[in-house]
Amino acid sequence: MTEHPDETAAGLARIEGFLMSQAALREAREEGEAFARTLTWLGPGEQDEISDRFAQRHLSLRREMLATTVARAAELKDEYAHRYGRLCRRATGLAVGVFALWTAVLILLCRP
């Protein structure tokens, strides 16, 4: 049996995404229905319309929040990659400096 970890991970991510979207859709519908039921003066057709609009707005807000979160995650990834690069350069510079200093001390101490 040939393993394809990248394909497997991608497939699992797609399944997870599908399940999450279905859960979000179910939650939006349930919230919309619960909200519409509180409007007892509306008829059944009007309650259905309010429920659908509420669910659509709920999903729209979730999409906006997700897009904002994804954008912020990308910003943080770039920022931390930049900081990590700078830290590596500093550590390398410090190591080279310490090595050079240590070499100079050894040369001075080992002179006849």
PDB file of N, CA and C in Angstrom:
ATOM      1  N   MET A   1       0.843  -1.184   0.000  1.00  0.00           N
ATOM      2  CA  MET A   1       0.000   0.000   0.000  1.00  0.00           C
ATOM      3  C   MET A   1       0.885   1.243   0.000  1.00  0.00           C
ATOM      4  N   THR A   2       0.660   2.135  -0.945  1.00  0.00           N
ATOM      5  CA  THR A   2       1.434   3.359  -1.064  1.00  0.00           C
ATOM      6  C   THR A   2       0.753   4.455  -0.259  1.00  0.00           C
ATOM      7  N   GLU A   3       1.544   5.119   0.583  1.00  0.00           N
ATOM      8  CA  GLU A   3       0.991   6.195   1.392  1.00  0.00           C
ATOM      9  C   GLU A   3       1.253   7.534   0.720  1.00  0.00           C
ATOM     10  N   HIS A   4       0.287   8.410   0.801  1.00  0.00           N
ATOM     11  CA  HIS A   4       0.394   9.771   0.270  1.00  0.00           C
ATOM     12  C   HIS A   4      -0.048  10.721   1.384  1.00  0.00           C
ATOM     13  N   PRO A   5       0.871  11.035   2.309  1.00  0.00           N
ATOM     14  CA  PRO A   5       0.461  11.843   3.469  1.00  0.00           C
ATOM     15  C   PRO A   5      -0.097  13.213   3.095  1.00  0.00           C
ATOM     16  N   ASP A   6       0.449  13.835   2.052  1.00  0.00           N
ATOM     17  CA  ASP A   6      -0.057  15.155   1.661  1.00  0.00           C
ATOM     18  C   ASP A   6      -1.484  15.059   1.139  1.00  0.00           C
ATOM     19  N   GLU A   7      -1.752  14.055   0.319  1.00  0.00           N
ATOM     20  CA  GLU A   7      -3.099  13.866  -0.217  1.00  0.00           C
ATOM     21  C   GLU A   7      -4.081  13.506   0.891  1.00  0.00           C
ATOM     22  N   THR A   8      -3.619  12.663   1.821  1.00  0.00           N
ATOM     23  CA  THR A   8      -4.470  12.267   2.938  1.00  0.00           C
ATOM     24  C   THR A   8      -4.808  13.473   3.802  1.00  0.00           C
ATOM     25  N   ALA A   9      -3.804  14.276   4.109  1.00  0.00           N
ATOM     26  CA  ALA A   9      -4.025  15.470   4.928  1.00  0.00           C
ATOM     27  C   ALA A   9      -4.965  16.443   4.221  1.00  0.00           C
ATOM     28  N   ALA A  10      -4.780  16.607   2.921  1.00  0.00           N
ATOM     29  CA  ALA A  10      -5.654  17.510   2.164  1.00  0.00           C
ATOM     30  C   ALA A  10      -7.089  16.986   2.152  1.00  0.00           C
ATOM     31  N   GLY A  11      -7.238  15.679   1.981  1.00  0.00           N
ATOM     32  CA  GLY A  11      -8.574  15.081   1.990  1.00  0.00           C
ATOM     33  C   GLY A  11      -9.250  15.239   3.339  1.00  0.00           C
ATOM     34  N   LEU A  12      -8.497  15.005   4.399  1.00  0.00           N
ATOM     35  CA  LEU A  12      -9.058  15.174   5.739  1.00  0.00           C
ATOM     36  C   LEU A  12      -9.421  16.630   6.004  1.00  0.00           C
ATOM     37  N   ALA A  13      -8.607  17.551   5.514  1.00  0.00           N
ATOM     38  CA  ALA A  13      -8.908  18.982   5.689  1.00  0.00           C
ATOM     39  C   ALA A  13     -10.192  19.354   4.954  1.00  0.00           C
ATOM     40  N   ARG A  14     -10.383  18.788   3.752  1.00  0.00           N
ATOM     41  CA  ARG A  14     -11.623  19.064   3.006  1.00  0.00           C
ATOM     42  C   ARG A  14     -12.835  18.511   3.744  1.00  0.00           C
ATOM     43  N   ILE A  15     -12.703  17.310   4.283  1.00  0.00           N
ATOM     44  CA  ILE A  15     -13.812  16.710   5.033  1.00  0.00           C
ATOM     45  C   ILE A  15     -14.111  17.546   6.271  1.00  0.00           C
ATOM     46  N   GLU A  16     -13.060  17.947   6.982  1.00  0.00           N
ATOM     47  CA  GLU A  16     -13.246  18.772   8.173  1.00  0.00           C
ATOM     48  C   GLU A  16     -13.918  20.094   7.809  1.00  0.00           C
ATOM     49  N   GLY A  17     -13.474  20.714   6.722  1.00  0.00           N
ATOM     50  CA  GLY A  17     -14.081  21.963   6.276  1.00  0.00           C
ATOM     51  C   GLY A  17     -15.549  21.794   5.933  1.00  0.00           C
ATOM     52  N   PHE A  18     -15.874  20.688   5.255  1.00  0.00           N
ATOM     53  CA  PHE A  18     -17.269  20.420   4.911  1.00  0.00           C
ATOM     54  C   PHE A  18     -18.106  20.252   6.167  1.00  0.00           C
ATOM     55  N   LEU A  19     -17.611  19.461   7.117  1.00  0.00           N
ATOM     56  CA  LEU A  19     -18.359  19.232   8.353  1.00  0.00           C
ATOM     57  C   LEU A  19     -18.534  20.529   9.144  1.00  0.00           C
ATOM     58  N   MET A  20     -17.506  21.352   9.161  1.00  0.00           N
ATOM     59  CA  MET A  20     -17.609  22.633   9.869  1.00  0.00           C
ATOM     60  C   MET A  20     -18.619  23.552   9.190  1.00  0.00           C
ATOM     61  N   SER A  21     -18.623  23.570   7.861  1.00  0.00           N
ATOM     62  CA  SER A  21     -19.578  24.428   7.157  1.00  0.00           C
ATOM     63  C   SER A  21     -21.009  23.950   7.370  1.00  0.00           C
ATOM     64  N   GLN A  22     -21.191  22.634   7.407  1.00  0.00           N
ATOM     65  CA  GLN A  22     -22.529  22.099   7.664  1.00  0.00           C
ATOM     66  C   GLN A  22     -22.994  22.427   9.082  1.00  0.00           C
ATOM     67  N   ALA A  23     -22.076  22.363  10.040  1.00  0.00           N
ATOM     68  CA  ALA A  23     -22.416  22.713  11.421  1.00  0.00           C
ATOM     69  C   ALA A  23     -22.775  24.197  11.519  1.00  0.00           C
ATOM     70  N   ALA A  24     -22.025  25.045  10.822  1.00  0.00           N
ATOM     71  CA  ALA A  24     -22.312  26.485  10.833  1.00  0.00           C
ATOM     72  C   ALA A  24     -23.662  26.764  10.189  1.00  0.00           C
ATOM     73  N   LEU A  25     -23.955  26.070   9.101  1.00  0.00           N
ATOM     74  CA  LEU A  25     -25.252  26.239   8.435  1.00  0.00           C
ATOM     75  C   LEU A  25     -26.396  25.802   9.340  1.00  0.00           C
ATOM     76  N   ARG A  26     -26.213  24.664  10.002  1.00  0.00           N
ATOM     77  CA  ARG A  26     -27.250  24.168  10.918  1.00  0.00           C
ATOM     78  C   ARG A  26     -27.447  25.157  12.068  1.00  0.00           C
ATOM     79  N   GLU A  27     -26.344  25.655  12.618  1.00  0.00           N
ATOM     80  CA  GLU A  27     -26.440  26.618  13.712  1.00  0.00           C
ATOM     81  C   GLU A  27     -27.155  27.887  13.272  1.00  0.00           C
ATOM     82  N   ALA A  28     -26.828  28.382  12.091  1.00  0.00           N
ATOM     83  CA  ALA A  28     -27.467  29.600  11.584  1.00  0.00           C
ATOM     84  C   ALA A  28     -28.966  29.388  11.409  1.00  0.00           C
ATOM     85  N   ARG A  29     -29.341  28.251  10.867  1.00  0.00           N
ATOM     86  CA  ARG A  29     -30.775  27.962  10.691  1.00  0.00           C
ATOM     87  C   ARG A  29     -31.487  27.865  12.033  1.00  0.00           C
ATOM     88  N   GLU A  30     -30.848  27.174  12.989  1.00  0.00           N
ATOM     89  CA  GLU A  30     -31.467  27.036  14.311  1.00  0.00           C
ATOM     90  C   GLU A  30     -31.611  28.392  14.989  1.00  0.00           C
ATOM     91  N   GLU A  31     -30.598  29.221  14.902  1.00  0.00           N
ATOM     92  CA  GLU A  31     -30.653  30.557  15.503  1.00  0.00           C
ATOM     93  C   GLU A  31     -31.729  31.407  14.827  1.00  0.00           C
ATOM     94  N   GLY A  32     -31.805  31.297  13.503  1.00  0.00           N
ATOM     95  CA  GLY A  32     -32.827  32.044  12.773  1.00  0.00           C
ATOM     96  C   GLY A  32     -34.230  31.612  13.154  1.00  0.00           C
ATOM     97  N   GLU A  33     -34.422  30.313  13.255  1.00  0.00           N
ATOM     98  CA  GLU A  33     -35.743  29.802  13.640  1.00  0.00           C
ATOM     99  C   GLU A  33     -36.097  30.223  15.064  1.00  0.00           C
ATOM    100  N   ALA A  34     -35.136  30.146  15.976  1.00  0.00           N
ATOM    101  CA  ALA A  34     -35.384  30.542  17.358  1.00  0.00           C
ATOM    102  C   ALA A  34     -35.747  32.026  17.441  1.00  0.00           C
ATOM    103  N   PHE A  35     -35.026  32.852  16.679  1.00  0.00           N
ATOM    104  CA  PHE A  35     -35.327  34.279  16.676  1.00  0.00           C
ATOM    105  C   PHE A  35     -36.716  34.541  16.109  1.00  0.00           C
ATOM    106  N   ALA A  36     -37.017  33.900  14.997  1.00  0.00           N
ATOM    107  CA  ALA A  36     -38.314  34.129  14.338  1.00  0.00           C
ATOM    108  C   ALA A  36     -39.472  33.670  15.233  1.00  0.00           C
ATOM    109  N   ARG A  37     -39.280  32.622  16.015  1.00  0.00           N
ATOM    110  CA  ARG A  37     -40.357  32.145  16.900  1.00  0.00           C
ATOM    111  C   ARG A  37     -40.691  33.172  17.977  1.00  0.00           C
ATOM    112  N   THR A  38     -39.746  34.037  18.319  1.00  0.00           N
ATOM    113  CA  THR A  38     -40.032  35.055  19.341  1.00  0.00           C
ATOM    114  C   THR A  38     -40.936  36.158  18.800  1.00  0.00           C
ATOM    115  N   LEU A  39     -41.028  36.250  17.495  1.00  0.00           N
ATOM    116  CA  LEU A  39     -41.875  37.274  16.866  1.00  0.00           C
ATOM    117  C   LEU A  39     -43.259  36.673  16.629  1.00  0.00           C
ATOM    118  N   THR A  40     -43.989  36.491  17.713  1.00  0.00           N
ATOM    119  CA  THR A  40     -45.253  35.748  17.679  1.00  0.00           C
ATOM    120  C   THR A  40     -46.342  36.440  16.872  1.00  0.00           C
ATOM    121  N   TRP A  41     -46.235  37.726  16.647  1.00  0.00           N
ATOM    122  CA  TRP A  41     -47.266  38.443  15.897  1.00  0.00           C
ATOM    123  C   TRP A  41     -47.151  38.234  14.384  1.00  0.00           C
ATOM    124  N   LEU A  42     -46.057  37.607  13.932  1.00  0.00           N
ATOM    125  CA  LEU A  42     -45.881  37.347  12.503  1.00  0.00           C
ATOM    126  C   LEU A  42     -46.545  36.031  12.124  1.00  0.00           C
ATOM    127  N   GLY A  43     -46.969  35.962  10.891  1.00  0.00           N
ATOM    128  CA  GLY A  43     -47.526  34.715  10.382  1.00  0.00           C
ATOM    129  C   GLY A  43     -46.408  33.723  10.067  1.00  0.00           C
ATOM    130  N   PRO A  44     -46.769  32.469   9.792  1.00  0.00           N
ATOM    131  CA  PRO A  44     -45.765  31.439   9.524  1.00  0.00           C
ATOM    132  C   PRO A  44     -44.854  31.782   8.336  1.00  0.00           C
ATOM    133  N   GLY A  45     -45.424  32.327   7.264  1.00  0.00           N
ATOM    134  CA  GLY A  45     -44.620  32.696   6.106  1.00  0.00           C
ATOM    135  C   GLY A  45     -43.636  33.807   6.429  1.00  0.00           C
ATOM    136  N   GLU A  46     -44.106  34.775   7.207  1.00  0.00           N
ATOM    137  CA  GLU A  46     -43.233  35.882   7.602  1.00  0.00           C
ATOM    138  C   GLU A  46     -42.135  35.394   8.548  1.00  0.00           C
ATOM    139  N   GLN A  47     -42.487  34.492   9.448  1.00  0.00           N
ATOM    140  CA  GLN A  47     -41.483  33.937  10.352  1.00  0.00           C
ATOM    141  C   GLN A  47     -40.424  33.164   9.566  1.00  0.00           C
ATOM    142  N   ASP A  48     -40.860  32.435   8.546  1.00  0.00           N
ATOM    143  CA  ASP A  48     -39.900  31.703   7.706  1.00  0.00           C
ATOM    144  C   ASP A  48     -38.952  32.673   6.998  1.00  0.00           C
ATOM    145  N   GLU A  49     -39.508  33.766   6.486  1.00  0.00           N
ATOM    146  CA  GLU A  49     -38.670  34.755   5.799  1.00  0.00           C
ATOM    147  C   GLU A  49     -37.674  35.394   6.762  1.00  0.00           C
ATOM    148  N   ILE A  50     -38.142  35.762   7.938  1.00  0.00           N
ATOM    149  CA  ILE A  50     -37.258  36.356   8.953  1.00  0.00           C
ATOM    150  C   ILE A  50     -36.184  35.340   9.353  1.00  0.00           C
ATOM    151  N   SER A  51     -36.590  34.108   9.527  1.00  0.00           N
ATOM    152  CA  SER A  51     -35.643  33.045   9.891  1.00  0.00           C
ATOM    153  C   SER A  51     -34.556  32.892   8.835  1.00  0.00           C
ATOM    154  N   ASP A  52     -34.966  32.878   7.563  1.00  0.00           N
ATOM    155  CA  ASP A  52     -33.993  32.747   6.461  1.00  0.00           C
ATOM    156  C   ASP A  52     -33.053  33.949   6.415  1.00  0.00           C
ATOM    157  N   ARG A  53     -33.594  35.145   6.562  1.00  0.00           N
ATOM    158  CA  ARG A  53     -32.757  36.344   6.529  1.00  0.00           C
ATOM    159  C   ARG A  53     -31.779  36.371   7.703  1.00  0.00           C
ATOM    160  N   PHE A  54     -32.269  35.974   8.868  1.00  0.00           N
ATOM    161  CA  PHE A  54     -31.401  35.922  10.037  1.00  0.00           C
ATOM    162  C   PHE A  54     -30.264  34.934   9.807  1.00  0.00           C
ATOM    163  N   ALA A  55     -30.593  33.763   9.269  1.00  0.00           N
ATOM    164  CA  ALA A  55     -29.584  32.730   9.008  1.00  0.00           C
ATOM    165  C   ALA A  55     -28.564  33.226   7.983  1.00  0.00           C
ATOM    166  N   GLN A  56     -29.037  33.891   6.927  1.00  0.00           N
ATOM    167  CA  GLN A  56     -28.119  34.419   5.922  1.00  0.00           C
ATOM    168  C   GLN A  56     -27.175  35.452   6.526  1.00  0.00           C
ATOM    169  N   ARG A  57     -27.709  36.324   7.361  1.00  0.00           N
ATOM    170  CA  ARG A  57     -26.881  37.355   7.999  1.00  0.00           C
ATOM    171  C   ARG A  57     -25.880  36.710   8.959  1.00  0.00           C
ATOM    172  N   HIS A  58     -26.341  35.713   9.687  1.00  0.00           N
ATOM    173  CA  HIS A  58     -25.476  34.984  10.616  1.00  0.00           C
ATOM    174  C   HIS A  58     -24.289  34.369   9.862  1.00  0.00           C
ATOM    175  N   LEU A  59     -24.577  33.712   8.744  1.00  0.00           N
ATOM    176  CA  LEU A  59     -23.510  33.100   7.945  1.00  0.00           C
ATOM    177  C   LEU A  59     -22.589  34.157   7.341  1.00  0.00           C
ATOM    178  N   SER A  60     -23.163  35.264   6.928  1.00  0.00           N
ATOM    179  CA  SER A  60     -22.361  36.350   6.368  1.00  0.00           C
ATOM    180  C   SER A  60     -21.378  36.889   7.408  1.00  0.00           C
ATOM    181  N   LEU A  61     -21.863  37.074   8.634  1.00  0.00           N
ATOM    182  CA  LEU A  61     -20.983  37.553   9.701  1.00  0.00           C
ATOM    183  C   LEU A  61     -19.886  36.543  10.007  1.00  0.00           C
ATOM    184  N   ARG A  62     -20.227  35.260   9.991  1.00  0.00           N
ATOM    185  CA  ARG A  62     -19.209  34.228  10.242  1.00  0.00           C
ATOM    186  C   ARG A  62     -18.148  34.250   9.145  1.00  0.00           C
ATOM    187  N   ARG A  63     -18.566  34.418   7.897  1.00  0.00           N
ATOM    188  CA  ARG A  63     -17.602  34.491   6.787  1.00  0.00           C
ATOM    189  C   ARG A  63     -16.673  35.686   6.956  1.00  0.00           C
ATOM    190  N   GLU A  64     -17.251  36.831   7.325  1.00  0.00           N
ATOM    191  CA  GLU A  64     -16.444  38.035   7.536  1.00  0.00           C
ATOM    192  C   GLU A  64     -15.436  37.823   8.667  1.00  0.00           C
ATOM    193  N   MET A  65     -15.893  37.230   9.763  1.00  0.00           N
ATOM    194  CA  MET A  65     -14.991  36.982  10.894  1.00  0.00           C
ATOM    195  C   MET A  65     -13.890  36.005  10.496  1.00  0.00           C
ATOM    196  N   LEU A  66     -14.250  34.975   9.742  1.00  0.00           N
ATOM    197  CA  LEU A  66     -13.258  33.997   9.303  1.00  0.00           C
ATOM    198  C   LEU A  66     -12.234  34.647   8.377  1.00  0.00           C
ATOM    199  N   ALA A  67     -12.711  35.471   7.442  1.00  0.00           N
ATOM    200  CA  ALA A  67     -11.792  36.158   6.524  1.00  0.00           C
ATOM    201  C   ALA A  67     -10.855  37.087   7.288  1.00  0.00           C
ATOM    202  N   THR A  68     -11.383  37.787   8.293  1.00  0.00           N
ATOM    203  CA  THR A  68     -10.560  38.670   9.121  1.00  0.00           C
ATOM    204  C   THR A  68      -9.520  37.862   9.885  1.00  0.00           C
ATOM    205  N   THR A  69      -9.928  36.725  10.422  1.00  0.00           N
ATOM    206  CA  THR A  69      -9.016  35.874  11.174  1.00  0.00           C
ATOM    207  C   THR A  69      -7.915  35.322  10.273  1.00  0.00           C
ATOM    208  N   VAL A  70      -8.288  34.893   9.082  1.00  0.00           N
ATOM    209  CA  VAL A  70      -7.300  34.361   8.136  1.00  0.00           C
ATOM    210  C   VAL A  70      -6.306  35.453   7.732  1.00  0.00           C
ATOM    211  N   ALA A  71      -6.815  36.646   7.471  1.00  0.00           N
ATOM    212  CA  ALA A  71      -5.932  37.759   7.098  1.00  0.00           C
ATOM    213  C   ALA A  71      -4.984  38.099   8.243  1.00  0.00           C
ATOM    214  N   ARG A  72      -5.499  38.123   9.459  1.00  0.00           N
ATOM    215  CA  ARG A  72      -4.651  38.431  10.619  1.00  0.00           C
ATOM    216  C   ARG A  72      -3.613  37.333  10.827  1.00  0.00           C
ATOM    217  N   ALA A  73      -3.995  36.084  10.631  1.00  0.00           N
ATOM    218  CA  ALA A  73      -3.047  34.977  10.765  1.00  0.00           C
ATOM    219  C   ALA A  73      -1.908  35.117   9.752  1.00  0.00           C
ATOM    220  N   ALA A  74      -2.234  35.533   8.539  1.00  0.00           N
ATOM    221  CA  ALA A  74      -1.206  35.736   7.519  1.00  0.00           C
ATOM    222  C   ALA A  74      -0.272  36.883   7.918  1.00  0.00           C
ATOM    223  N   GLU A  75      -0.855  37.970   8.457  1.00  0.00           N
ATOM    224  CA  GLU A  75      -0.039  39.091   8.914  1.00  0.00           C
ATOM    225  C   GLU A  75       0.909  38.642  10.025  1.00  0.00           C
ATOM    226  N   LEU A  76       0.379  37.893  10.984  1.00  0.00           N
ATOM    227  CA  LEU A  76       1.214  37.424  12.094  1.00  0.00           C
ATOM    228  C   LEU A  76       2.297  36.472  11.616  1.00  0.00           C
ATOM    229  N   LYS A  77       1.958  35.614  10.662  1.00  0.00           N
ATOM    230  CA  LYS A  77       2.950  34.683  10.115  1.00  0.00           C
ATOM    231  C   LYS A  77       4.109  35.467   9.494  1.00  0.00           C
ATOM    232  N   ASP A  78       3.787  36.478   8.702  1.00  0.00           N
ATOM    233  CA  ASP A  78       4.827  37.302   8.079  1.00  0.00           C
ATOM    234  C   ASP A  78       5.652  38.052   9.133  1.00  0.00           C
ATOM    235  N   GLU A  79       4.949  38.611  10.119  1.00  0.00           N
ATOM    236  CA  GLU A  79       5.643  39.364  11.162  1.00  0.00           C
ATOM    237  C   GLU A  79       6.595  38.461  11.949  1.00  0.00           C
ATOM    238  N   TYR A  80       6.125  37.281  12.336  1.00  0.00           N
ATOM    239  CA  TYR A  80       6.972  36.382  13.109  1.00  0.00           C
ATOM    240  C   TYR A  80       8.096  35.798  12.263  1.00  0.00           C
ATOM    241  N   ALA A  81       7.859  35.580  10.987  1.00  0.00           N
ATOM    242  CA  ALA A  81       8.934  35.111  10.106  1.00  0.00           C
ATOM    243  C   ALA A  81      10.024  36.176  10.020  1.00  0.00           C
ATOM    244  N   HIS A  82       9.613  37.439   9.925  1.00  0.00           N
ATOM    245  CA  HIS A  82      10.569  38.547   9.886  1.00  0.00           C
ATOM    246  C   HIS A  82      11.355  38.611  11.192  1.00  0.00           C
ATOM    247  N   ARG A  83      10.652  38.504  12.320  1.00  0.00           N
ATOM    248  CA  ARG A  83      11.320  38.555  13.625  1.00  0.00           C
ATOM    249  C   ARG A  83      12.269  37.369  13.799  1.00  0.00           C
ATOM    250  N   TYR A  84      11.845  36.209  13.366  1.00  0.00           N
ATOM    251  CA  TYR A  84      12.690  35.019  13.487  1.00  0.00           C
ATOM    252  C   TYR A  84      13.954  35.172  12.649  1.00  0.00           C
ATOM    253  N   GLY A  85      13.811  35.689  11.447  1.00  0.00           N
ATOM    254  CA  GLY A  85      14.975  35.928  10.592  1.00  0.00           C
ATOM    255  C   GLY A  85      15.946  36.895  11.240  1.00  0.00           C
ATOM    256  N   ARG A  86      15.398  37.975  11.811  1.00  0.00           N
ATOM    257  CA  ARG A  86      16.243  38.954  12.486  1.00  0.00           C
ATOM    258  C   ARG A  86      16.940  38.334  13.705  1.00  0.00           C
ATOM    259  N   LEU A  87      16.210  37.523  14.456  1.00  0.00           N
ATOM    260  CA  LEU A  87      16.794  36.848  15.612  1.00  0.00           C
ATOM    261  C   LEU A  87      17.911  35.905  15.186  1.00  0.00           C
ATOM    262  N   CYS A  88      17.702  35.162  14.106  1.00  0.00           N
ATOM    263  CA  CYS A  88      18.747  34.255  13.603  1.00  0.00           C
ATOM    264  C   CYS A  88      19.986  35.031  13.181  1.00  0.00           C
ATOM    265  N   ARG A  89      19.787  36.159  12.510  1.00  0.00           N
ATOM    266  CA  ARG A  89      20.937  36.970  12.096  1.00  0.00           C
ATOM    267  C   ARG A  89      21.695  37.505  13.308  1.00  0.00           C
ATOM    268  N   ARG A  90      20.957  37.946  14.307  1.00  0.00           N
ATOM    269  CA  ARG A  90      21.606  38.452  15.520  1.00  0.00           C
ATOM    270  C   ARG A  90      22.373  37.337  16.226  1.00  0.00           C
ATOM    271  N   ALA A  91      21.753  36.177  16.362  1.00  0.00           N
ATOM    272  CA  ALA A  91      22.412  35.058  17.037  1.00  0.00           C
ATOM    273  C   ALA A  91      23.659  34.626  16.277  1.00  0.00           C
ATOM    274  N   THR A  92      23.553  34.589  14.955  1.00  0.00           N
ATOM    275  CA  THR A  92      24.717  34.223  14.140  1.00  0.00           C
ATOM    276  C   THR A  92      25.817  35.263  14.286  1.00  0.00           C
ATOM    277  N   GLY A  93      25.462  36.525  14.241  1.00  0.00           N
ATOM    278  CA  GLY A  93      26.443  37.600  14.415  1.00  0.00           C
ATOM    279  C   GLY A  93      27.107  37.537  15.778  1.00  0.00           C
ATOM    280  N   LEU A  94      26.303  37.279  16.796  1.00  0.00           N
ATOM    281  CA  LEU A  94      26.848  37.167  18.140  1.00  0.00           C
ATOM    282  C   LEU A  94      27.796  35.976  18.235  1.00  0.00           C
ATOM    283  N   ALA A  95      27.402  34.845  17.658  1.00  0.00           N
ATOM    284  CA  ALA A  95      28.252  33.651  17.693  1.00  0.00           C
ATOM    285  C   ALA A  95      29.570  33.903  16.957  1.00  0.00           C
ATOM    286  N   VAL A  96      29.500  34.547  15.810  1.00  0.00           N
ATOM    287  CA  VAL A  96      30.717  34.866  15.048  1.00  0.00           C
ATOM    288  C   VAL A  96      31.591  35.824  15.851  1.00  0.00           C
ATOM    289  N   GLY A  97      30.987  36.820  16.475  1.00  0.00           N
ATOM    290  CA  GLY A  97      31.739  37.772  17.289  1.00  0.00           C
ATOM    291  C   GLY A  97      32.410  37.099  18.477  1.00  0.00           C
ATOM    292  N   VAL A  98      31.681  36.228  19.168  1.00  0.00           N
ATOM    293  CA  VAL A  98      32.257  35.510  20.306  1.00  0.00           C
ATOM    294  C   VAL A  98      33.390  34.606  19.835  1.00  0.00           C
ATOM    295  N   PHE A  99      33.167  33.927  18.718  1.00  0.00           N
ATOM    296  CA  PHE A  99      34.207  33.058  18.178  1.00  0.00           C
ATOM    297  C   PHE A  99      35.456  33.868  17.813  1.00  0.00           C
ATOM    298  N   ALA A 100      35.276  35.011  17.194  1.00  0.00           N
ATOM    299  CA  ALA A 100      36.413  35.864  16.812  1.00  0.00           C
ATOM    300  C   ALA A 100      37.139  36.367  18.048  1.00  0.00           C
ATOM    301  N   LEU A 101      36.394  36.774  19.056  1.00  0.00           N
ATOM    302  CA  LEU A 101      37.001  37.251  20.292  1.00  0.00           C
ATOM    303  C   LEU A 101      37.770  36.129  20.986  1.00  0.00           C
ATOM    304  N   TRP A 102      37.166  34.969  21.041  1.00  0.00           N
ATOM    305  CA  TRP A 102      37.810  33.810  21.660  1.00  0.00           C
ATOM    306  C   TRP A 102      39.091  33.438  20.897  1.00  0.00           C
ATOM    307  N   THR A 103      39.034  33.486  19.594  1.00  0.00           N
ATOM    308  CA  THR A 103      40.214  33.192  18.779  1.00  0.00           C
ATOM    309  C   THR A 103      41.315  34.213  19.047  1.00  0.00           C
ATOM    310  N   ALA A 104      40.961  35.483  19.133  1.00  0.00           N
ATOM    311  CA  ALA A 104      41.953  36.535  19.411  1.00  0.00           C
ATOM    312  C   ALA A 104      42.575  36.338  20.787  1.00  0.00           C
ATOM    313  N   VAL A 105      41.767  35.995  21.772  1.00  0.00           N
ATOM    314  CA  VAL A 105      42.284  35.747  23.126  1.00  0.00           C
ATOM    315  C   VAL A 105      43.237  34.568  23.117  1.00  0.00           C
ATOM    316  N   LEU A 106      42.869  33.482  22.442  1.00  0.00           N
ATOM    317  CA  LEU A 106      43.739  32.305  22.372  1.00  0.00           C
ATOM    318  C   LEU A 106      45.053  32.623  21.665  1.00  0.00           C
ATOM    319  N   ILE A 107      44.964  33.392  20.617  1.00  0.00           N
ATOM    320  CA  ILE A 107      46.191  33.768  19.890  1.00  0.00           C
ATOM    321  C   ILE A 107      47.092  34.587  20.791  1.00  0.00           C
ATOM    322  N   LEU A 108      46.518  35.537  21.515  1.00  0.00           N
ATOM    323  CA  LEU A 108      47.325  36.382  22.422  1.00  0.00           C
ATOM    324  C   LEU A 108      47.894  35.569  23.580  1.00  0.00           C
ATOM    325  N   LEU A 109      47.163  34.641  24.100  1.00  0.00           N
ATOM    326  CA  LEU A 109      47.642  33.834  25.218  1.00  0.00           C
ATOM    327  C   LEU A 109      48.670  32.789  24.813  1.00  0.00           C
ATOM    328  N   CYS A 110      48.600  32.326  23.598  1.00  0.00           N
ATOM    329  CA  CYS A 110      49.498  31.268  23.132  1.00  0.00           C
ATOM    330  C   CYS A 110      50.761  31.813  22.478  1.00  0.00           C
ATOM    331  N   ARG A 111      50.965  33.084  22.429  1.00  0.00           N
ATOM    332  CA  ARG A 111      52.170  33.693  21.837  1.00  0.00           C
ATOM    333  C   ARG A 111      53.348  33.415  22.750  1.00  0.00           C
ATOM    334  N   PRO A 112      54.497  33.149  22.136  1.00  0.00           N
ATOM    335  CA  PRO A 112      55.693  32.939  22.950  1.00  0.00           C
ATOM    336  C   PRO A 112      56.264  34.222  23.502  1.00  0.00           C
TER     337      PRO A 112
END
